[in-house]
Amino acid sequence: FAEVDFDGKRVVLVVPDGTRSCPLPLLLRTVHRHLI
């Protein structure tokens, strides 16, 4: 993420619904922490 110009941008995260095996809370907390 340090290599991407996220600063001041409108960012949309596109995630699966509950029909997929996925540790979504872990992923979202990690991404949220580095972007918000």
Full PDB file with SEQRES, HELIX, SHEET, SSBOND, CRYST1, ORIGX, SCALE, CONECT and MASTER records, all heavy atoms in Angstrom:
SEQRES   1 A   36  PHE ALA GLU VAL ASP PHE ASP GLY LYS ARG VAL VAL LEU          
SEQRES   2 A   36  VAL VAL PRO ASP GLY THR ARG SER CYS PRO LEU PRO LEU          
SEQRES   3 A   36  LEU LEU ARG THR VAL HIS ARG HIS LEU ILE                      
HELIX    1 AA1 LEU A   24  LEU A   35  1                                  12    
CRYST1    1.000    1.000    1.000  90.00  90.00  90.00 P 1           1          
ORIGX1      1.000000  0.000000  0.000000        0.00000                         
ORIGX2      0.000000  1.000000  0.000000        0.00000                         
ORIGX3      0.000000  0.000000  1.000000        0.00000                         
SCALE1      1.000000  0.000000  0.000000        0.00000                         
SCALE2      0.000000  1.000000  0.000000        0.00000                         
SCALE3      0.000000  0.000000  1.000000        0.00000                         
ATOM      1  N   PHE A   1       0.818  -1.209   0.000  1.00  0.00           N  
ATOM      2  CA  PHE A   1       0.000   0.000   0.000  1.00  0.00           C  
ATOM      3  C   PHE A   1       0.850   1.257   0.000  1.00  0.00           C  
ATOM      4  O   PHE A   1       0.425   2.306  -0.499  1.00  0.00           O  
ATOM      5  CB  PHE A   1      -0.946   0.009   1.203  1.00  0.00           C  
ATOM      6  CG  PHE A   1      -2.159  -0.875   1.049  1.00  0.00           C  
ATOM      7  CD1 PHE A   1      -2.208  -1.880   0.091  1.00  0.00           C  
ATOM      8  CD2 PHE A   1      -3.260  -0.717   1.874  1.00  0.00           C  
ATOM      9  CE1 PHE A   1      -3.320  -2.702  -0.039  1.00  0.00           C  
ATOM     10  CE2 PHE A   1      -4.384  -1.517   1.750  1.00  0.00           C  
ATOM     11  CZ  PHE A   1      -4.407  -2.511   0.785  1.00  0.00           C  
ATOM     12  N   ALA A   2       2.057   1.169   0.545  1.00  0.00           N  
ATOM     13  CA  ALA A   2       2.957   2.324   0.564  1.00  0.00           C  
ATOM     14  C   ALA A   2       3.361   2.740  -0.844  1.00  0.00           C  
ATOM     15  O   ALA A   2       3.742   3.901  -1.071  1.00  0.00           O  
ATOM     16  CB  ALA A   2       4.197   2.003   1.394  1.00  0.00           C  
ATOM     17  N   GLU A   3       3.251   1.822  -1.802  1.00  0.00           N  
ATOM     18  CA  GLU A   3       3.648   2.096  -3.182  1.00  0.00           C  
ATOM     19  C   GLU A   3       2.498   2.622  -4.032  1.00  0.00           C  
ATOM     20  O   GLU A   3       2.682   2.891  -5.226  1.00  0.00           O  
ATOM     21  CB  GLU A   3       4.210   0.810  -3.819  1.00  0.00           C  
ATOM     22  CG  GLU A   3       5.412   0.224  -3.101  1.00  0.00           C  
ATOM     23  CD  GLU A   3       6.584   1.203  -3.070  1.00  0.00           C  
ATOM     24  OE1 GLU A   3       6.833   1.850  -4.108  1.00  0.00           O  
ATOM     25  OE2 GLU A   3       7.221   1.324  -2.007  1.00  0.00           O  
ATOM     26  N   VAL A   4       1.299   2.749  -3.448  1.00  0.00           N  
ATOM     27  CA  VAL A   4       0.120   3.190  -4.205  1.00  0.00           C  
ATOM     28  C   VAL A   4      -0.321   4.563  -3.703  1.00  0.00           C  
ATOM     29  O   VAL A   4      -0.350   4.813  -2.497  1.00  0.00           O  
ATOM     30  CB  VAL A   4      -1.045   2.179  -4.054  1.00  0.00           C  
ATOM     31  CG1 VAL A   4      -2.278   2.669  -4.817  1.00  0.00           C  
ATOM     32  CG2 VAL A   4      -0.620   0.799  -4.553  1.00  0.00           C  
ATOM     33  N   ASP A   5      -0.696   5.434  -4.619  1.00  0.00           N  
ATOM     34  CA  ASP A   5      -1.123   6.779  -4.248  1.00  0.00           C  
ATOM     35  C   ASP A   5      -2.596   6.758  -3.834  1.00  0.00           C  
ATOM     36  O   ASP A   5      -3.491   7.150  -4.586  1.00  0.00           O  
ATOM     37  CB  ASP A   5      -0.914   7.728  -5.427  1.00  0.00           C  
ATOM     38  CG  ASP A   5      -1.275   9.167  -5.070  1.00  0.00           C  
ATOM     39  OD1 ASP A   5      -1.394   9.471  -3.864  1.00  0.00           O  
ATOM     40  OD2 ASP A   5      -1.448   9.977  -6.005  1.00  0.00           O  
ATOM     41  N   PHE A   6      -2.856   6.286  -2.614  1.00  0.00           N  
ATOM     42  CA  PHE A   6      -4.209   6.291  -2.055  1.00  0.00           C  
ATOM     43  C   PHE A   6      -4.589   7.654  -1.472  1.00  0.00           C  
ATOM     44  O   PHE A   6      -5.756   7.911  -1.205  1.00  0.00           O  
ATOM     45  CB  PHE A   6      -4.323   5.255  -0.927  1.00  0.00           C  
ATOM     46  CG  PHE A   6      -4.399   3.823  -1.392  1.00  0.00           C  
ATOM     47  CD1 PHE A   6      -3.349   2.949  -1.151  1.00  0.00           C  
ATOM     48  CD2 PHE A   6      -5.524   3.341  -2.038  1.00  0.00           C  
ATOM     49  CE1 PHE A   6      -3.413   1.628  -1.551  1.00  0.00           C  
ATOM     50  CE2 PHE A   6      -5.605   2.021  -2.442  1.00  0.00           C  
ATOM     51  CZ  PHE A   6      -4.546   1.162  -2.200  1.00  0.00           C  
ATOM     52  N   ASP A   7      -3.619   8.506  -1.258  1.00  0.00           N  
ATOM     53  CA  ASP A   7      -3.835   9.724  -0.484  1.00  0.00           C  
ATOM     54  C   ASP A   7      -4.861  10.649  -1.137  1.00  0.00           C  
ATOM     55  O   ASP A   7      -4.731  11.049  -2.306  1.00  0.00           O  
ATOM     56  CB  ASP A   7      -2.509  10.464  -0.299  1.00  0.00           C  
ATOM     57  CG  ASP A   7      -1.503   9.607   0.455  1.00  0.00           C  
ATOM     58  OD1 ASP A   7      -1.678   9.429   1.669  1.00  0.00           O  
ATOM     59  OD2 ASP A   7      -0.580   9.067  -0.193  1.00  0.00           O  
ATOM     60  N   GLY A   8      -5.898  10.999  -0.337  1.00  0.00           N  
ATOM     61  CA  GLY A   8      -6.928  11.907  -0.801  1.00  0.00           C  
ATOM     62  C   GLY A   8      -7.849  11.328  -1.856  1.00  0.00           C  
ATOM     63  O   GLY A   8      -8.609  12.070  -2.490  1.00  0.00           O  
ATOM     64  N   LYS A   9      -7.826  10.012  -2.045  1.00  0.00           N  
ATOM     65  CA  LYS A   9      -8.625   9.374  -3.082  1.00  0.00           C  
ATOM     66  C   LYS A   9      -9.926   8.798  -2.517  1.00  0.00           C  
ATOM     67  O   LYS A   9     -10.016   8.449  -1.333  1.00  0.00           O  
ATOM     68  CB  LYS A   9      -7.827   8.247  -3.743  1.00  0.00           C  
ATOM     69  CG  LYS A   9      -6.533   8.680  -4.403  1.00  0.00           C  
ATOM     70  CD  LYS A   9      -6.782   9.601  -5.581  1.00  0.00           C  
ATOM     71  CE  LYS A   9      -5.536   9.792  -6.441  1.00  0.00           C  
ATOM     72  NZ  LYS A   9      -4.417  10.410  -5.728  1.00  0.00           N  
ATOM     73  N   ARG A  10     -10.919   8.714  -3.397  1.00  0.00           N  
ATOM     74  CA  ARG A  10     -12.158   7.988  -3.071  1.00  0.00           C  
ATOM     75  C   ARG A  10     -11.892   6.512  -3.354  1.00  0.00           C  
ATOM     76  O   ARG A  10     -11.720   6.130  -4.518  1.00  0.00           O  
ATOM     77  CB  ARG A  10     -13.316   8.497  -3.922  1.00  0.00           C  
ATOM     78  CG  ARG A  10     -13.709   9.955  -3.680  1.00  0.00           C  
ATOM     79  CD  ARG A  10     -14.626  10.450  -4.785  1.00  0.00           C  
ATOM     80  NE  ARG A  10     -13.952  10.399  -6.084  1.00  0.00           N  
ATOM     81  CZ  ARG A  10     -14.559  10.610  -7.239  1.00  0.00           C  
ATOM     82  NH1 ARG A  10     -15.860  10.884  -7.280  1.00  0.00           N  
ATOM     83  NH2 ARG A  10     -13.875  10.565  -8.376  1.00  0.00           N  
ATOM     84  N   VAL A  11     -11.859   5.732  -2.304  1.00  0.00           N  
ATOM     85  CA  VAL A  11     -11.481   4.322  -2.439  1.00  0.00           C  
ATOM     86  C   VAL A  11     -12.686   3.438  -2.113  1.00  0.00           C  
ATOM     87  O   VAL A  11     -13.383   3.657  -1.112  1.00  0.00           O  
ATOM     88  CB  VAL A  11     -10.296   3.976  -1.510  1.00  0.00           C  
ATOM     89  CG1 VAL A  11      -9.974   2.483  -1.578  1.00  0.00           C  
ATOM     90  CG2 VAL A  11      -9.070   4.804  -1.894  1.00  0.00           C  
ATOM     91  N   VAL A  12     -12.920   2.453  -2.963  1.00  0.00           N  
ATOM     92  CA  VAL A  12     -13.979   1.471  -2.743  1.00  0.00           C  
ATOM     93  C   VAL A  12     -13.349   0.092  -2.592  1.00  0.00           C  
ATOM     94  O   VAL A  12     -12.535  -0.327  -3.430  1.00  0.00           O  
ATOM     95  CB  VAL A  12     -14.991   1.470  -3.907  1.00  0.00           C  
ATOM     96  CG1 VAL A  12     -15.899   0.247  -3.842  1.00  0.00           C  
ATOM     97  CG2 VAL A  12     -15.829   2.745  -3.875  1.00  0.00           C  
ATOM     98  N   LEU A  13     -13.701  -0.583  -1.516  1.00  0.00           N  
ATOM     99  CA  LEU A  13     -13.305  -1.970  -1.312  1.00  0.00           C  
ATOM    100  C   LEU A  13     -14.443  -2.852  -1.805  1.00  0.00           C  
ATOM    101  O   LEU A  13     -15.600  -2.637  -1.431  1.00  0.00           O  
ATOM    102  CB  LEU A  13     -13.034  -2.246   0.164  1.00  0.00           C  
ATOM    103  CG  LEU A  13     -12.118  -1.264   0.904  1.00  0.00           C  
ATOM    104  CD1 LEU A  13     -11.968  -1.681   2.366  1.00  0.00           C  
ATOM    105  CD2 LEU A  13     -10.759  -1.167   0.216  1.00  0.00           C  
ATOM    106  N   VAL A  14     -14.147  -3.819  -2.637  1.00  0.00           N  
ATOM    107  CA  VAL A  14     -15.154  -4.731  -3.177  1.00  0.00           C  
ATOM    108  C   VAL A  14     -14.892  -6.101  -2.571  1.00  0.00           C  
ATOM    109  O   VAL A  14     -13.825  -6.691  -2.776  1.00  0.00           O  
ATOM    110  CB  VAL A  14     -15.091  -4.790  -4.712  1.00  0.00           C  
ATOM    111  CG1 VAL A  14     -16.189  -5.701  -5.261  1.00  0.00           C  
ATOM    112  CG2 VAL A  14     -15.217  -3.393  -5.314  1.00  0.00           C  
ATOM    113  N   VAL A  15     -15.876  -6.594  -1.795  1.00  0.00           N  
ATOM    114  CA  VAL A  15     -15.658  -7.822  -1.025  1.00  0.00           C  
ATOM    115  C   VAL A  15     -16.751  -8.843  -1.338  1.00  0.00           C  
ATOM    116  O   VAL A  15     -17.828  -8.498  -1.818  1.00  0.00           O  
ATOM    117  CB  VAL A  15     -15.649  -7.524   0.498  1.00  0.00           C  
ATOM    118  CG1 VAL A  15     -14.591  -6.484   0.831  1.00  0.00           C  
ATOM    119  CG2 VAL A  15     -17.027  -7.086   0.981  1.00  0.00           C  
ATOM    120  N   PRO A  16     -16.500 -10.128  -1.052  1.00  0.00           N  
ATOM    121  CA  PRO A  16     -17.510 -11.155  -1.307  1.00  0.00           C  
ATOM    122  C   PRO A  16     -18.621 -11.120  -0.275  1.00  0.00           C  
ATOM    123  O   PRO A  16     -18.490 -10.518   0.795  1.00  0.00           O  
ATOM    124  CB  PRO A  16     -16.710 -12.462  -1.202  1.00  0.00           C  
ATOM    125  CG  PRO A  16     -15.614 -12.134  -0.228  1.00  0.00           C  
ATOM    126  CD  PRO A  16     -15.255 -10.696  -0.519  1.00  0.00           C  
ATOM    127  N   ASP A  17     -19.721 -11.803  -0.612  1.00  0.00           N  
ATOM    128  CA  ASP A  17     -20.767 -12.008   0.388  1.00  0.00           C  
ATOM    129  C   ASP A  17     -20.429 -13.257   1.199  1.00  0.00           C  
ATOM    130  O   ASP A  17     -19.338 -13.824   1.075  1.00  0.00           O  
ATOM    131  CB  ASP A  17     -22.152 -12.088  -0.267  1.00  0.00           C  
ATOM    132  CG  ASP A  17     -22.330 -13.303  -1.173  1.00  0.00           C  
ATOM    133  OD1 ASP A  17     -21.442 -14.190  -1.196  1.00  0.00           O  
ATOM    134  OD2 ASP A  17     -23.364 -13.382  -1.865  1.00  0.00           O  
ATOM    135  N   GLY A  18     -21.370 -13.685   2.015  1.00  0.00           N  
ATOM    136  CA  GLY A  18     -21.086 -14.774   2.945  1.00  0.00           C  
ATOM    137  C   GLY A  18     -21.053 -16.155   2.349  1.00  0.00           C  
ATOM    138  O   GLY A  18     -20.957 -17.142   3.092  1.00  0.00           O  
ATOM    139  N   THR A  19     -21.088 -16.282   1.004  1.00  0.00           N  
ATOM    140  CA  THR A  19     -21.053 -17.600   0.382  1.00  0.00           C  
ATOM    141  C   THR A  19     -19.635 -18.067   0.092  1.00  0.00           C  
ATOM    142  O   THR A  19     -19.443 -19.089  -0.571  1.00  0.00           O  
ATOM    143  CB  THR A  19     -21.866 -17.612  -0.931  1.00  0.00           C  
ATOM    144  OG1 THR A  19     -21.297 -16.675  -1.849  1.00  0.00           O  
ATOM    145  CG2 THR A  19     -23.323 -17.255  -0.675  1.00  0.00           C  
ATOM    146  N   ARG A  20     -18.630 -17.360   0.549  1.00  0.00           N  
ATOM    147  CA  ARG A  20     -17.235 -17.728   0.298  1.00  0.00           C  
ATOM    148  C   ARG A  20     -16.503 -17.964   1.615  1.00  0.00           C  
ATOM    149  O   ARG A  20     -16.714 -17.239   2.587  1.00  0.00           O  
ATOM    150  CB  ARG A  20     -16.507 -16.619  -0.475  1.00  0.00           C  
ATOM    151  CG  ARG A  20     -17.146 -16.198  -1.787  1.00  0.00           C  
ATOM    152  CD  ARG A  20     -17.076 -17.300  -2.827  1.00  0.00           C  
ATOM    153  NE  ARG A  20     -17.454 -16.821  -4.153  1.00  0.00           N  
ATOM    154  CZ  ARG A  20     -18.683 -16.874  -4.646  1.00  0.00           C  
ATOM    155  NH1 ARG A  20     -19.679 -17.344  -3.901  1.00  0.00           N  
ATOM    156  NH2 ARG A  20     -18.942 -16.458  -5.884  1.00  0.00           N  
ATOM    157  N   SER A  21     -15.615 -18.956   1.631  1.00  0.00           N  
ATOM    158  CA  SER A  21     -14.701 -19.106   2.759  1.00  0.00           C  
ATOM    159  C   SER A  21     -13.678 -17.984   2.678  1.00  0.00           C  
ATOM    160  O   SER A  21     -12.984 -17.837   1.669  1.00  0.00           O  
ATOM    161  CB  SER A  21     -13.964 -20.454   2.701  1.00  0.00           C  
ATOM    162  OG  SER A  21     -14.808 -21.511   3.047  1.00  0.00           O  
ATOM    163  N   CYS A  22     -13.610 -17.188   3.743  1.00  0.00           N  
ATOM    164  CA  CYS A  22     -12.729 -16.024   3.689  1.00  0.00           C  
ATOM    165  C   CYS A  22     -12.627 -15.415   5.087  1.00  0.00           C  
ATOM    166  O   CYS A  22     -13.657 -15.165   5.713  1.00  0.00           O  
ATOM    167  CB  CYS A  22     -13.311 -15.002   2.714  1.00  0.00           C  
ATOM    168  SG  CYS A  22     -12.409 -13.464   2.579  1.00  0.00           S  
ATOM    169  N   PRO A  23     -11.408 -15.163   5.585  1.00  0.00           N  
ATOM    170  CA  PRO A  23     -11.266 -14.488   6.887  1.00  0.00           C  
ATOM    171  C   PRO A  23     -11.475 -12.991   6.737  1.00  0.00           C  
ATOM    172  O   PRO A  23     -10.566 -12.182   6.950  1.00  0.00           O  
ATOM    173  CB  PRO A  23      -9.828 -14.834   7.293  1.00  0.00           C  
ATOM    174  CG  PRO A  23      -9.099 -14.936   5.992  1.00  0.00           C  
ATOM    175  CD  PRO A  23     -10.088 -15.513   5.007  1.00  0.00           C  
ATOM    176  N   LEU A  24     -12.701 -12.615   6.348  1.00  0.00           N  
ATOM    177  CA  LEU A  24     -12.967 -11.222   5.984  1.00  0.00           C  
ATOM    178  C   LEU A  24     -12.657 -10.236   7.114  1.00  0.00           C  
ATOM    179  O   LEU A  24     -12.081  -9.172   6.858  1.00  0.00           O  
ATOM    180  CB  LEU A  24     -14.410 -11.062   5.504  1.00  0.00           C  
ATOM    181  CG  LEU A  24     -14.726  -9.716   4.860  1.00  0.00           C  
ATOM    182  CD1 LEU A  24     -13.929  -9.529   3.565  1.00  0.00           C  
ATOM    183  CD2 LEU A  24     -16.212  -9.565   4.589  1.00  0.00           C  
ATOM    184  N   PRO A  25     -13.027 -10.518   8.379  1.00  0.00           N  
ATOM    185  CA  PRO A  25     -12.703  -9.542   9.428  1.00  0.00           C  
ATOM    186  C   PRO A  25     -11.210  -9.236   9.521  1.00  0.00           C  
ATOM    187  O   PRO A  25     -10.819  -8.066   9.681  1.00  0.00           O  
ATOM    188  CB  PRO A  25     -13.229 -10.218  10.695  1.00  0.00           C  
ATOM    189  CG  PRO A  25     -14.346 -11.094  10.218  1.00  0.00           C  
ATOM    190  CD  PRO A  25     -13.863 -11.618   8.904  1.00  0.00           C  
ATOM    191  N   LEU A  26     -10.378 -10.265   9.423  1.00  0.00           N  
ATOM    192  CA  LEU A  26      -8.935 -10.056   9.463  1.00  0.00           C  
ATOM    193  C   LEU A  26      -8.484  -9.182   8.291  1.00  0.00           C  
ATOM    194  O   LEU A  26      -7.712  -8.222   8.465  1.00  0.00           O  
ATOM    195  CB  LEU A  26      -8.210 -11.402   9.413  1.00  0.00           C  
ATOM    196  CG  LEU A  26      -6.693 -11.349   9.174  1.00  0.00           C  
ATOM    197  CD1 LEU A  26      -5.993 -10.654  10.337  1.00  0.00           C  
ATOM    198  CD2 LEU A  26      -6.142 -12.752   8.950  1.00  0.00           C  
ATOM    199  N   LEU A  27      -8.974  -9.489   7.120  1.00  0.00           N  
ATOM    200  CA  LEU A  27      -8.570  -8.738   5.930  1.00  0.00           C  
ATOM    201  C   LEU A  27      -9.017  -7.281   6.015  1.00  0.00           C  
ATOM    202  O   LEU A  27      -8.236  -6.358   5.738  1.00  0.00           O  
ATOM    203  CB  LEU A  27      -9.164  -9.393   4.682  1.00  0.00           C  
ATOM    204  CG  LEU A  27      -8.667 -10.804   4.378  1.00  0.00           C  
ATOM    205  CD1 LEU A  27      -9.558 -11.456   3.326  1.00  0.00           C  
ATOM    206  CD2 LEU A  27      -7.225 -10.770   3.917  1.00  0.00           C  
ATOM    207  N   LEU A  28     -10.286  -7.077   6.391  1.00  0.00           N  
ATOM    208  CA  LEU A  28     -10.800  -5.714   6.431  1.00  0.00           C  
ATOM    209  C   LEU A  28     -10.145  -4.879   7.525  1.00  0.00           C  
ATOM    210  O   LEU A  28      -9.863  -3.691   7.335  1.00  0.00           O  
ATOM    211  CB  LEU A  28     -12.317  -5.731   6.616  1.00  0.00           C  
ATOM    212  CG  LEU A  28     -13.137  -5.992   5.351  1.00  0.00           C  
ATOM    213  CD1 LEU A  28     -14.614  -5.975   5.663  1.00  0.00           C  
ATOM    214  CD2 LEU A  28     -12.825  -4.964   4.263  1.00  0.00           C  
ATOM    215  N   ARG A  29      -9.913  -5.489   8.677  1.00  0.00           N  
ATOM    216  CA  ARG A  29      -9.247  -4.723   9.744  1.00  0.00           C  
ATOM    217  C   ARG A  29      -7.848  -4.310   9.311  1.00  0.00           C  
ATOM    218  O   ARG A  29      -7.403  -3.190   9.606  1.00  0.00           O  
ATOM    219  CB  ARG A  29      -9.196  -5.559  11.032  1.00  0.00           C  
ATOM    220  CG  ARG A  29     -10.559  -5.727  11.705  1.00  0.00           C  
ATOM    221  CD  ARG A  29     -10.427  -6.400  13.054  1.00  0.00           C  
ATOM    222  NE  ARG A  29     -11.729  -6.575  13.683  1.00  0.00           N  
ATOM    223  CZ  ARG A  29     -12.336  -7.746  13.860  1.00  0.00           C  
ATOM    224  NH1 ARG A  29     -11.748  -8.855  13.464  1.00  0.00           N  
ATOM    225  NH2 ARG A  29     -13.525  -7.808  14.433  1.00  0.00           N  
ATOM    226  N   THR A  30      -7.160  -5.204   8.622  1.00  0.00           N  
ATOM    227  CA  THR A  30      -5.807  -4.888   8.153  1.00  0.00           C  
ATOM    228  C   THR A  30      -5.838  -3.776   7.118  1.00  0.00           C  
ATOM    229  O   THR A  30      -5.088  -2.787   7.210  1.00  0.00           O  
ATOM    230  CB  THR A  30      -5.156  -6.153   7.555  1.00  0.00           C  
ATOM    231  OG1 THR A  30      -5.134  -7.191   8.535  1.00  0.00           O  
ATOM    232  CG2 THR A  30      -3.734  -5.857   7.108  1.00  0.00           C  
ATOM    233  N   VAL A  31      -6.705  -3.913   6.125  1.00  0.00           N  
ATOM    234  CA  VAL A  31      -6.792  -2.907   5.071  1.00  0.00           C  
ATOM    235  C   VAL A  31      -7.285  -1.573   5.635  1.00  0.00           C  
ATOM    236  O   VAL A  31      -6.747  -0.505   5.302  1.00  0.00           O  
ATOM    237  CB  VAL A  31      -7.722  -3.408   3.944  1.00  0.00           C  
ATOM    238  CG1 VAL A  31      -8.049  -2.281   2.969  1.00  0.00           C  
ATOM    239  CG2 VAL A  31      -7.084  -4.578   3.209  1.00  0.00           C  
ATOM    240  N   HIS A  32      -8.305  -1.621   6.480  1.00  0.00           N  
ATOM    241  CA  HIS A  32      -8.830  -0.396   7.098  1.00  0.00           C  
ATOM    242  C   HIS A  32      -7.743   0.348   7.862  1.00  0.00           C  
ATOM    243  O   HIS A  32      -7.609   1.582   7.745  1.00  0.00           O  
ATOM    244  CB  HIS A  32      -9.989  -0.773   8.029  1.00  0.00           C  
ATOM    245  CG  HIS A  32     -10.599   0.383   8.758  1.00  0.00           C  
ATOM    246  ND1 HIS A  32     -10.138   0.803  10.005  1.00  0.00           N  
ATOM    247  CD2 HIS A  32     -11.626   1.221   8.431  1.00  0.00           C  
ATOM    248  CE1 HIS A  32     -10.867   1.823  10.404  1.00  0.00           C  
ATOM    249  NE2 HIS A  32     -11.780   2.099   9.478  1.00  0.00           N  
ATOM    250  N   ARG A  33      -6.970  -0.385   8.611  1.00  0.00           N  
ATOM    251  CA  ARG A  33      -5.913   0.240   9.425  1.00  0.00           C  
ATOM    252  C   ARG A  33      -4.901   0.986   8.553  1.00  0.00           C  
ATOM    253  O   ARG A  33      -4.403   2.055   8.927  1.00  0.00           O  
ATOM    254  CB  ARG A  33      -5.208  -0.845  10.244  1.00  0.00           C  
ATOM    255  CG  ARG A  33      -4.123  -0.319  11.161  1.00  0.00           C  
ATOM    256  CD  ARG A  33      -3.679  -1.361  12.172  1.00  0.00           C  
ATOM    257  NE  ARG A  33      -3.200  -2.583  11.558  1.00  0.00           N  
ATOM    258  CZ  ARG A  33      -3.867  -3.756  11.573  1.00  0.00           C  
ATOM    259  NH1 ARG A  33      -5.050  -3.851  12.154  1.00  0.00           N  
ATOM    260  NH2 ARG A  33      -3.342  -4.816  11.010  1.00  0.00           N  
ATOM    261  N   HIS A  34      -4.601   0.439   7.370  1.00  0.00           N  
ATOM    262  CA  HIS A  34      -3.575   1.040   6.518  1.00  0.00           C  
ATOM    263  C   HIS A  34      -4.124   2.072   5.530  1.00  0.00           C  
ATOM    264  O   HIS A  34      -3.327   2.734   4.854  1.00  0.00           O  
ATOM    265  CB  HIS A  34      -2.823  -0.061   5.755  1.00  0.00           C  
ATOM    266  CG  HIS A  34      -1.960  -0.902   6.635  1.00  0.00           C  
ATOM    267  ND1 HIS A  34      -0.782  -0.436   7.177  1.00  0.00           N  
ATOM    268  CD2 HIS A  34      -2.106  -2.173   7.086  1.00  0.00           C  
ATOM    269  CE1 HIS A  34      -0.228  -1.392   7.924  1.00  0.00           C  
ATOM    270  NE2 HIS A  34      -1.015  -2.457   7.877  1.00  0.00           N  
ATOM    271  N   LEU A  35      -5.453   2.225   5.476  1.00  0.00           N  
ATOM    272  CA  LEU A  35      -6.017   3.165   4.517  1.00  0.00           C  
ATOM    273  C   LEU A  35      -6.769   4.338   5.127  1.00  0.00           C  
ATOM    274  O   LEU A  35      -6.783   5.437   4.563  1.00  0.00           O  
ATOM    275  CB  LEU A  35      -6.989   2.427   3.561  1.00  0.00           C  
ATOM    276  CG  LEU A  35      -6.390   1.566   2.467  1.00  0.00           C  
ATOM    277  CD1 LEU A  35      -7.498   1.019   1.579  1.00  0.00           C  
ATOM    278  CD2 LEU A  35      -5.370   2.329   1.626  1.00  0.00           C  
ATOM    279  N   ILE A  36      -7.431   4.126   6.267  1.00  0.00           N  
ATOM    280  CA  ILE A  36      -8.440   5.078   6.731  1.00  0.00           C  
ATOM    281  C   ILE A  36      -7.882   6.488   6.945  1.00  0.00           C  
ATOM    282  O   ILE A  36      -8.592   7.483   6.740  1.00  0.00           O  
ATOM    283  CB  ILE A  36      -9.142   4.559   8.016  1.00  0.00           C  
ATOM    284  CG1 ILE A  36     -10.407   5.369   8.269  1.00  0.00           C  
ATOM    285  CG2 ILE A  36      -8.186   4.548   9.178  1.00  0.00           C  
ATOM    286  CD1 ILE A  36     -11.439   5.287   7.175  1.00  0.00           C  
TER     287      ILE A  36                                                      
MASTER        0    0    0    1    0    0    0    6  286    1    0    3          
END                                                                             
